[in-house]
All heavy atoms as atom14 arrays in JSON, in Angstrom:
{
  "sequence": "LYHKFCQRCSTPLPRRYLWAVGDGLSVGSPGDVLADRYLV",
  "atom14_mask": [
    [1, 1, 1, 1, 1, 1, 1, 1, 0, 0, 0, 0, 0, 0],
    [1, 1, 1, 1, 1, 1, 1, 1, 1, 1, 1, 1, 0, 0],
    [1, 1, 1, 1, 1, 1, 1, 1, 1, 1, 0, 0, 0, 0],
    [1, 1, 1, 1, 1, 1, 1, 1, 1, 0, 0, 0, 0, 0],
    [1, 1, 1, 1, 1, 1, 1, 1, 1, 1, 1, 0, 0, 0],
    [1, 1, 1, 1, 1, 1, 0, 0, 0, 0, 0, 0, 0, 0],
    [1, 1, 1, 1, 1, 1, 1, 1, 1, 0, 0, 0, 0, 0],
    [1, 1, 1, 1, 1, 1, 1, 1, 1, 1, 1, 0, 0, 0],
    [1, 1, 1, 1, 1, 1, 0, 0, 0, 0, 0, 0, 0, 0],
    [1, 1, 1, 1, 1, 1, 0, 0, 0, 0, 0, 0, 0, 0],
    [1, 1, 1, 1, 1, 1, 1, 0, 0, 0, 0, 0, 0, 0],
    [1, 1, 1, 1, 1, 1, 1, 0, 0, 0, 0, 0, 0, 0],
    [1, 1, 1, 1, 1, 1, 1, 1, 0, 0, 0, 0, 0, 0],
    [1, 1, 1, 1, 1, 1, 1, 0, 0, 0, 0, 0, 0, 0],
    [1, 1, 1, 1, 1, 1, 1, 1, 1, 1, 1, 0, 0, 0],
    [1, 1, 1, 1, 1, 1, 1, 1, 1, 1, 1, 0, 0, 0],
    [1, 1, 1, 1, 1, 1, 1, 1, 1, 1, 1, 1, 0, 0],
    [1, 1, 1, 1, 1, 1, 1, 1, 0, 0, 0, 0, 0, 0],
    [1, 1, 1, 1, 1, 1, 1, 1, 1, 1, 1, 1, 1, 1],
    [1, 1, 1, 1, 1, 0, 0, 0, 0, 0, 0, 0, 0, 0],
    [1, 1, 1, 1, 1, 1, 1, 0, 0, 0, 0, 0, 0, 0],
    [1, 1, 1, 1, 0, 0, 0, 0, 0, 0, 0, 0, 0, 0],
    [1, 1, 1, 1, 1, 1, 1, 1, 0, 0, 0, 0, 0, 0],
    [1, 1, 1, 1, 0, 0, 0, 0, 0, 0, 0, 0, 0, 0],
    [1, 1, 1, 1, 1, 1, 1, 1, 0, 0, 0, 0, 0, 0],
    [1, 1, 1, 1, 1, 1, 0, 0, 0, 0, 0, 0, 0, 0],
    [1, 1, 1, 1, 1, 1, 1, 0, 0, 0, 0, 0, 0, 0],
    [1, 1, 1, 1, 0, 0, 0, 0, 0, 0, 0, 0, 0, 0],
    [1, 1, 1, 1, 1, 1, 0, 0, 0, 0, 0, 0, 0, 0],
    [1, 1, 1, 1, 1, 1, 1, 0, 0, 0, 0, 0, 0, 0],
    [1, 1, 1, 1, 0, 0, 0, 0, 0, 0, 0, 0, 0, 0],
    [1, 1, 1, 1, 1, 1, 1, 1, 0, 0, 0, 0, 0, 0],
    [1, 1, 1, 1, 1, 1, 1, 0, 0, 0, 0, 0, 0, 0],
    [1, 1, 1, 1, 1, 1, 1, 1, 0, 0, 0, 0, 0, 0],
    [1, 1, 1, 1, 1, 0, 0, 0, 0, 0, 0, 0, 0, 0],
    [1, 1, 1, 1, 1, 1, 1, 1, 0, 0, 0, 0, 0, 0],
    [1, 1, 1, 1, 1, 1, 1, 1, 1, 1, 1, 0, 0, 0],
    [1, 1, 1, 1, 1, 1, 1, 1, 1, 1, 1, 1, 0, 0],
    [1, 1, 1, 1, 1, 1, 1, 1, 0, 0, 0, 0, 0, 0],
    [1, 1, 1, 1, 1, 1, 1, 0, 0, 0, 0, 0, 0, 0]
  ],
  "atom14_positions": [
    [[1.55, -4.25, -8.87], [1.37, -4.74, -7.46], [1.4, -6.2, -7.34], [1.76, -6.77, -6.32], [-0.07, -4.2, -6.95], [-0.39, -4.46, -5.52], [0.66, -3.86, -4.61], [-1.71, -3.85, -5.15], [0.0, 0.0, 0.0], [0.0, 0.0, 0.0], [0.0, 0.0, 0.0], [0.0, 0.0, 0.0], [0.0, 0.0, 0.0], [0.0, 0.0, 0.0]],
    [[1.02, -6.9, -8.41], [0.99, -8.33, -8.34], [2.32, -9.05, -8.49], [2.51, -10.22, -8.41], [-0.05, -8.9, -9.38], [0.23, -8.44, -10.79], [1.18, -9.14, -11.6], [-0.46, -7.4, -11.33], [1.4, -8.66, -12.86], [-0.21, -7.0, -12.6], [0.73, -7.6, -13.43], [0.94, -7.2, -14.67], [0.0, 0.0, 0.0], [0.0, 0.0, 0.0]],
    [[3.39, -8.24, -8.83], [4.72, -8.83, -8.94], [5.33, -9.13, -7.55], [5.21, -8.34, -6.64], [5.64, -7.85, -9.73], [5.53, -7.87, -11.22], [6.48, -7.55, -12.01], [4.5, -8.35, -11.93], [6.06, -7.73, -13.29], [4.84, -8.2, -13.26], [0.0, 0.0, 0.0], [0.0, 0.0, 0.0], [0.0, 0.0, 0.0], [0.0, 0.0, 0.0]],
    [[6.0, -10.27, -7.44], [6.68, -10.59, -6.19], [8.15, -10.12, -6.18], [8.72, -9.94, -5.12], [6.61, -12.13, -5.97], [5.23, -12.7, -5.83], [5.34, -14.17, -5.46], [3.94, -14.81, -5.4], [3.07, -14.2, -4.41], [0.0, 0.0, 0.0], [0.0, 0.0, 0.0], [0.0, 0.0, 0.0], [0.0, 0.0, 0.0], [0.0, 0.0, 0.0]],
    [[8.66, -9.85, -7.32], [10.13, -9.4, -7.42], [10.11, -8.27, -8.46], [9.37, -8.23, -9.43], [10.97, -10.56, -7.95], [11.02, -11.73, -6.94], [10.11, -12.8, -7.11], [11.9, -11.81, -5.94], [10.13, -13.9, -6.26], [11.9, -12.89, -5.06], [11.01, -13.92, -5.23], [0.0, 0.0, 0.0], [0.0, 0.0, 0.0], [0.0, 0.0, 0.0]],
    [[11.09, -7.38, -8.24], [11.3, -6.28, -9.05], [11.65, -6.71, -10.49], [12.51, -7.49, -10.71], [12.35, -5.31, -8.55], [12.69, -3.9, -9.63], [0.0, 0.0, 0.0], [0.0, 0.0, 0.0], [0.0, 0.0, 0.0], [0.0, 0.0, 0.0], [0.0, 0.0, 0.0], [0.0, 0.0, 0.0], [0.0, 0.0, 0.0], [0.0, 0.0, 0.0]],
    [[10.85, -6.15, -11.43], [11.09, -6.57, -12.84], [12.37, -6.01, -13.46], [12.77, -6.48, -14.44], [9.96, -6.04, -13.71], [9.66, -4.55, -13.58], [8.33, -4.14, -14.28], [7.6, -4.96, -14.86], [7.97, -2.91, -14.13], [0.0, 0.0, 0.0], [0.0, 0.0, 0.0], [0.0, 0.0, 0.0], [0.0, 0.0, 0.0], [0.0, 0.0, 0.0]],
    [[13.06, -5.05, -12.62], [14.29, -4.54, -13.16], [15.47, -5.23, -12.48], [16.47, -5.58, -13.18], [14.41, -3.04, -12.94], [15.72, -2.4, -13.41], [15.77, -0.92, -13.04], [14.8, -0.16, -13.76], [14.53, 1.15, -13.5], [15.23, 1.8, -12.58], [13.57, 1.79, -14.24], [0.0, 0.0, 0.0], [0.0, 0.0, 0.0], [0.0, 0.0, 0.0]],
    [[15.45, -5.39, -11.15], [16.64, -5.89, -10.42], [16.39, -7.15, -9.72], [17.33, -7.64, -8.99], [17.17, -4.84, -9.55], [16.16, -4.48, -8.09], [0.0, 0.0, 0.0], [0.0, 0.0, 0.0], [0.0, 0.0, 0.0], [0.0, 0.0, 0.0], [0.0, 0.0, 0.0], [0.0, 0.0, 0.0], [0.0, 0.0, 0.0], [0.0, 0.0, 0.0]],
    [[15.2, -7.71, -9.72], [14.78, -8.98, -9.03], [14.84, -8.87, -7.53], [14.75, -9.92, -6.88], [15.74, -10.11, -9.54], [15.64, -10.26, -10.9], [0.0, 0.0, 0.0], [0.0, 0.0, 0.0], [0.0, 0.0, 0.0], [0.0, 0.0, 0.0], [0.0, 0.0, 0.0], [0.0, 0.0, 0.0], [0.0, 0.0, 0.0], [0.0, 0.0, 0.0]],
    [[14.85, -7.7, -6.94], [14.73, -7.59, -5.47], [13.28, -7.99, -5.09], [12.38, -7.55, -5.71], [15.05, -6.17, -5.06], [16.41, -5.8, -5.44], [14.86, -5.95, -3.6], [0.0, 0.0, 0.0], [0.0, 0.0, 0.0], [0.0, 0.0, 0.0], [0.0, 0.0, 0.0], [0.0, 0.0, 0.0], [0.0, 0.0, 0.0], [0.0, 0.0, 0.0]],
    [[13.18, -8.71, -3.99], [11.81, -9.06, -3.47], [11.03, -7.76, -3.21], [11.56, -6.77, -2.68], [12.05, -9.84, -2.23], [13.42, -10.45, -2.39], [14.17, -9.41, -3.2], [0.0, 0.0, 0.0], [0.0, 0.0, 0.0], [0.0, 0.0, 0.0], [0.0, 0.0, 0.0], [0.0, 0.0, 0.0], [0.0, 0.0, 0.0], [0.0, 0.0, 0.0]],
    [[9.67, -7.82, -3.57], [8.86, -6.7, -3.31], [7.87, -6.96, -2.13], [6.93, -7.68, -2.32], [8.03, -6.36, -4.56], [8.86, -5.99, -5.81], [7.91, -5.91, -7.05], [9.55, -4.66, -5.62], [0.0, 0.0, 0.0], [0.0, 0.0, 0.0], [0.0, 0.0, 0.0], [0.0, 0.0, 0.0], [0.0, 0.0, 0.0], [0.0, 0.0, 0.0]],
    [[8.19, -6.51, -0.94], [7.3, -6.75, 0.19], [5.98, -5.99, -0.01], [5.99, -4.77, -0.27], [8.12, -6.26, 1.37], [9.02, -5.23, 0.85], [9.38, -5.63, -0.6], [0.0, 0.0, 0.0], [0.0, 0.0, 0.0], [0.0, 0.0, 0.0], [0.0, 0.0, 0.0], [0.0, 0.0, 0.0], [0.0, 0.0, 0.0], [0.0, 0.0, 0.0]],
    [[4.89, -6.75, 0.22], [3.53, -6.11, 0.21], [3.09, -5.86, 1.67], [2.67, -6.87, 2.28], [2.58, -6.91, -0.56], [2.88, -6.89, -2.1], [1.75, -7.45, -2.89], [1.6, -8.95, -2.74], [0.78, -9.67, -3.46], [0.1, -9.15, -4.41], [0.66, -10.91, -3.15], [0.0, 0.0, 0.0], [0.0, 0.0, 0.0], [0.0, 0.0, 0.0]],
    [[3.19, -4.7, 2.2], [2.91, -4.42, 3.62], [1.55, -3.7, 3.66], [1.43, -2.53, 3.46], [4.02, -3.54, 4.2], [5.36, -4.27, 4.28], [6.44, -3.42, 4.82], [7.64, -4.18, 4.9], [8.91, -3.63, 4.84], [8.99, -2.34, 4.78], [9.99, -4.38, 4.84], [0.0, 0.0, 0.0], [0.0, 0.0, 0.0], [0.0, 0.0, 0.0]],
    [[0.59, -4.54, 3.93], [-0.77, -4.03, 4.2], [-0.87, -3.65, 5.66], [-0.49, -4.4, 6.55], [-1.8, -5.1, 3.86], [-1.88, -5.43, 2.4], [-1.11, -6.56, 1.91], [-2.58, -4.67, 1.5], [-1.11, -6.88, 0.54], [-2.57, -4.96, 0.1], [-1.86, -6.07, -0.31], [-1.85, -6.41, -1.66], [0.0, 0.0, 0.0], [0.0, 0.0, 0.0]],
    [[-1.44, -2.51, 5.95], [-1.45, -1.9, 7.23], [-2.84, -1.58, 7.66], [-3.72, -1.19, 6.84], [-0.61, -0.65, 7.3], [0.85, -0.73, 6.65], [1.41, 0.67, 6.55], [1.71, -1.63, 7.53], [0.0, 0.0, 0.0], [0.0, 0.0, 0.0], [0.0, 0.0, 0.0], [0.0, 0.0, 0.0], [0.0, 0.0, 0.0], [0.0, 0.0, 0.0]],
    [[-3.12, -1.82, 8.9], [-4.45, -1.51, 9.54], [-4.37, -0.13, 10.18], [-3.55, 0.16, 11.01], [-4.82, -2.55, 10.54], [-6.15, -2.3, 11.22], [-6.39, -1.82, 12.48], [-7.43, -2.5, 10.59], [-7.73, -1.78, 12.7], [-8.38, -2.19, 11.57], [-7.87, -2.92, 9.36], [-9.81, -2.24, 11.37], [-9.25, -3.0, 9.14], [-10.16, -2.62, 10.08]],
    [[-5.23, 0.78, 9.73], [-5.26, 2.12, 10.27], [-6.24, 2.21, 11.42], [-7.42, 1.96, 11.34], [-5.7, 3.1, 9.18], [0.0, 0.0, 0.0], [0.0, 0.0, 0.0], [0.0, 0.0, 0.0], [0.0, 0.0, 0.0], [0.0, 0.0, 0.0], [0.0, 0.0, 0.0], [0.0, 0.0, 0.0], [0.0, 0.0, 0.0], [0.0, 0.0, 0.0]],
    [[-5.69, 2.52, 12.59], [-6.45, 2.59, 13.87], [-7.01, 3.94, 13.95], [-6.26, 5.01, 14.19], [-5.59, 2.24, 15.09], [-6.43, 2.38, 16.36], [-4.99, 0.86, 14.92], [0.0, 0.0, 0.0], [0.0, 0.0, 0.0], [0.0, 0.0, 0.0], [0.0, 0.0, 0.0], [0.0, 0.0, 0.0], [0.0, 0.0, 0.0], [0.0, 0.0, 0.0]],
    [[-8.34, 4.13, 13.8], [-8.93, 5.44, 13.87], [-10.4, 5.4, 14.23], [-11.18, 6.16, 13.66], [0.0, 0.0, 0.0], [0.0, 0.0, 0.0], [0.0, 0.0, 0.0], [0.0, 0.0, 0.0], [0.0, 0.0, 0.0], [0.0, 0.0, 0.0], [0.0, 0.0, 0.0], [0.0, 0.0, 0.0], [0.0, 0.0, 0.0], [0.0, 0.0, 0.0]],
    [[-10.72, 4.6, 15.17], [-12.15, 4.54, 15.7], [-13.13, 4.26, 14.58], [-14.18, 4.81, 14.57], [-12.5, 5.81, 16.43], [-11.68, 6.05, 17.7], [-11.32, 5.0, 18.35], [-11.33, 7.16, 18.02], [0.0, 0.0, 0.0], [0.0, 0.0, 0.0], [0.0, 0.0, 0.0], [0.0, 0.0, 0.0], [0.0, 0.0, 0.0], [0.0, 0.0, 0.0]],
    [[-12.77, 3.42, 13.6], [-13.69, 3.09, 12.5], [-13.85, 4.17, 11.43], [-14.61, 3.96, 10.52], [0.0, 0.0, 0.0], [0.0, 0.0, 0.0], [0.0, 0.0, 0.0], [0.0, 0.0, 0.0], [0.0, 0.0, 0.0], [0.0, 0.0, 0.0], [0.0, 0.0, 0.0], [0.0, 0.0, 0.0], [0.0, 0.0, 0.0], [0.0, 0.0, 0.0]],
    [[-13.14, 5.31, 11.6], [-13.27, 6.34, 10.58], [-12.53, 5.94, 9.33], [-11.46, 5.37, 9.41], [-12.68, 7.62, 11.09], [-13.41, 8.24, 12.36], [-12.72, 9.48, 12.82], [-14.88, 8.53, 12.0], [0.0, 0.0, 0.0], [0.0, 0.0, 0.0], [0.0, 0.0, 0.0], [0.0, 0.0, 0.0], [0.0, 0.0, 0.0], [0.0, 0.0, 0.0]],
    [[-13.08, 6.24, 8.21], [-12.41, 5.91, 6.9], [-11.3, 6.83, 6.63], [-11.32, 8.04, 6.94], [-13.46, 6.02, 5.78], [-12.82, 5.79, 4.5], [0.0, 0.0, 0.0], [0.0, 0.0, 0.0], [0.0, 0.0, 0.0], [0.0, 0.0, 0.0], [0.0, 0.0, 0.0], [0.0, 0.0, 0.0], [0.0, 0.0, 0.0], [0.0, 0.0, 0.0]],
    [[-10.11, 6.26, 6.19], [-8.98, 7.13, 5.92], [-9.03, 7.67, 4.48], [-8.24, 8.62, 4.13], [-7.69, 6.31, 6.06], [-7.41, 5.94, 7.54], [-7.62, 5.11, 5.13], [0.0, 0.0, 0.0], [0.0, 0.0, 0.0], [0.0, 0.0, 0.0], [0.0, 0.0, 0.0], [0.0, 0.0, 0.0], [0.0, 0.0, 0.0], [0.0, 0.0, 0.0]],
    [[-9.92, 7.15, 3.68], [-10.06, 7.7, 2.32], [-10.84, 6.7, 1.46], [-11.32, 5.69, 1.92], [0.0, 0.0, 0.0], [0.0, 0.0, 0.0], [0.0, 0.0, 0.0], [0.0, 0.0, 0.0], [0.0, 0.0, 0.0], [0.0, 0.0, 0.0], [0.0, 0.0, 0.0], [0.0, 0.0, 0.0], [0.0, 0.0, 0.0], [0.0, 0.0, 0.0]],
    [[-10.9, 6.98, 0.22], [-11.64, 6.13, -0.74], [-10.63, 5.19, -1.4], [-9.44, 5.51, -1.64], [-12.33, 7.0, -1.79], [-13.25, 7.87, -1.22], [0.0, 0.0, 0.0], [0.0, 0.0, 0.0], [0.0, 0.0, 0.0], [0.0, 0.0, 0.0], [0.0, 0.0, 0.0], [0.0, 0.0, 0.0], [0.0, 0.0, 0.0], [0.0, 0.0, 0.0]],
    [[-11.05, 3.91, -1.76], [-10.16, 2.98, -2.41], [-9.54, 3.64, -3.67], [-10.29, 4.26, -4.49], [-11.1, 1.87, -2.81], [-12.14, 1.93, -1.72], [-12.39, 3.34, -1.46], [0.0, 0.0, 0.0], [0.0, 0.0, 0.0], [0.0, 0.0, 0.0], [0.0, 0.0, 0.0], [0.0, 0.0, 0.0], [0.0, 0.0, 0.0], [0.0, 0.0, 0.0]],
    [[-8.27, 3.46, -3.79], [-7.57, 4.1, -4.87], [-6.82, 5.36, -4.6], [-5.94, 5.75, -5.29], [0.0, 0.0, 0.0], [0.0, 0.0, 0.0], [0.0, 0.0, 0.0], [0.0, 0.0, 0.0], [0.0, 0.0, 0.0], [0.0, 0.0, 0.0], [0.0, 0.0, 0.0], [0.0, 0.0, 0.0], [0.0, 0.0, 0.0], [0.0, 0.0, 0.0]],
    [[-7.17, 6.04, -3.46], [-6.5, 7.23, -3.03], [-5.11, 6.91, -2.61], [-4.84, 5.82, -2.11], [-7.26, 7.89, -1.92], [-8.62, 8.49, -2.27], [-8.84, 8.6, -3.57], [-9.35, 8.84, -1.43], [0.0, 0.0, 0.0], [0.0, 0.0, 0.0], [0.0, 0.0, 0.0], [0.0, 0.0, 0.0], [0.0, 0.0, 0.0], [0.0, 0.0, 0.0]],
    [[-4.2, 7.86, -2.8], [-2.86, 7.74, -2.28], [-2.64, 8.86, -1.23], [-2.84, 10.03, -1.54], [-1.79, 7.9, -3.4], [-0.38, 7.89, -2.8], [-1.96, 6.77, -4.44], [0.0, 0.0, 0.0], [0.0, 0.0, 0.0], [0.0, 0.0, 0.0], [0.0, 0.0, 0.0], [0.0, 0.0, 0.0], [0.0, 0.0, 0.0], [0.0, 0.0, 0.0]],
    [[-2.27, 8.45, -0.04], [-2.17, 9.35, 1.11], [-0.67, 9.57, 1.41], [0.13, 8.65, 1.31], [-2.85, 8.77, 2.37], [-4.26, 8.33, 2.16], [-4.86, 7.68, 3.4], [-5.14, 9.58, 1.76], [0.0, 0.0, 0.0], [0.0, 0.0, 0.0], [0.0, 0.0, 0.0], [0.0, 0.0, 0.0], [0.0, 0.0, 0.0], [0.0, 0.0, 0.0]],
    [[-0.36, 10.87, 1.66], [1.03, 11.24, 1.98], [2.0, 10.78, 0.87], [3.17, 10.51, 1.22], [1.46, 10.63, 3.35], [0.0, 0.0, 0.0], [0.0, 0.0, 0.0], [0.0, 0.0, 0.0], [0.0, 0.0, 0.0], [0.0, 0.0, 0.0], [0.0, 0.0, 0.0], [0.0, 0.0, 0.0], [0.0, 0.0, 0.0], [0.0, 0.0, 0.0]],
    [[1.53, 10.72, -0.36], [2.36, 10.37, -1.51], [2.94, 9.03, -1.36], [4.03, 8.7, -1.83], [3.47, 11.38, -1.76], [4.12, 11.26, -3.09], [3.41, 10.75, -4.03], [5.38, 11.48, -3.21], [0.0, 0.0, 0.0], [0.0, 0.0, 0.0], [0.0, 0.0, 0.0], [0.0, 0.0, 0.0], [0.0, 0.0, 0.0], [0.0, 0.0, 0.0]],
    [[2.31, 8.12, -0.6], [2.84, 6.84, -0.2], [1.89, 5.7, -0.04], [2.12, 4.61, -0.53], [3.8, 7.03, 1.04], [4.39, 5.75, 1.57], [5.34, 6.05, 2.69], [6.04, 4.81, 3.11], [7.06, 4.81, 3.93], [7.5, 5.98, 4.49], [7.66, 3.64, 4.3], [0.0, 0.0, 0.0], [0.0, 0.0, 0.0], [0.0, 0.0, 0.0]],
    [[0.87, 5.93, 0.72], [-0.02, 4.92, 1.17], [-1.26, 4.79, 0.26], [-2.01, 5.73, 0.16], [-0.5, 5.09, 2.61], [0.72, 5.08, 3.56], [1.22, 6.27, 4.11], [1.34, 3.89, 3.92], [2.29, 6.19, 4.92], [2.39, 3.81, 4.81], [2.87, 5.02, 5.33], [3.97, 4.97, 6.16], [0.0, 0.0, 0.0], [0.0, 0.0, 0.0]],
    [[-1.44, 3.62, -0.39], [-2.57, 3.37, -1.26], [-3.7, 2.85, -0.46], [-3.62, 1.84, 0.29], [-2.19, 2.36, -2.33], [-3.32, 1.86, -3.24], [-3.88, 2.97, -4.1], [-2.82, 0.69, -4.07], [0.0, 0.0, 0.0], [0.0, 0.0, 0.0], [0.0, 0.0, 0.0], [0.0, 0.0, 0.0], [0.0, 0.0, 0.0], [0.0, 0.0, 0.0]],
    [[-4.88, 3.55, -0.52], [-6.04, 3.08, 0.24], [-6.67, 1.87, -0.5], [-7.06, 1.97, -1.63], [-7.07, 4.21, 0.34], [-8.36, 3.73, 1.09], [-6.52, 5.42, 1.12], [0.0, 0.0, 0.0], [0.0, 0.0, 0.0], [0.0, 0.0, 0.0], [0.0, 0.0, 0.0], [0.0, 0.0, 0.0], [0.0, 0.0, 0.0], [0.0, 0.0, 0.0]]
  ]
}
């Protein structure tokens, strides 16, 4: 996660942190992966 560029092909790695709008409800516990894609 701390790499800025792909270690194989040097493509920039965008870190897209997203805010989940859900009336303050927790989407999960830190470290969970949701929908096989989103890291909590």
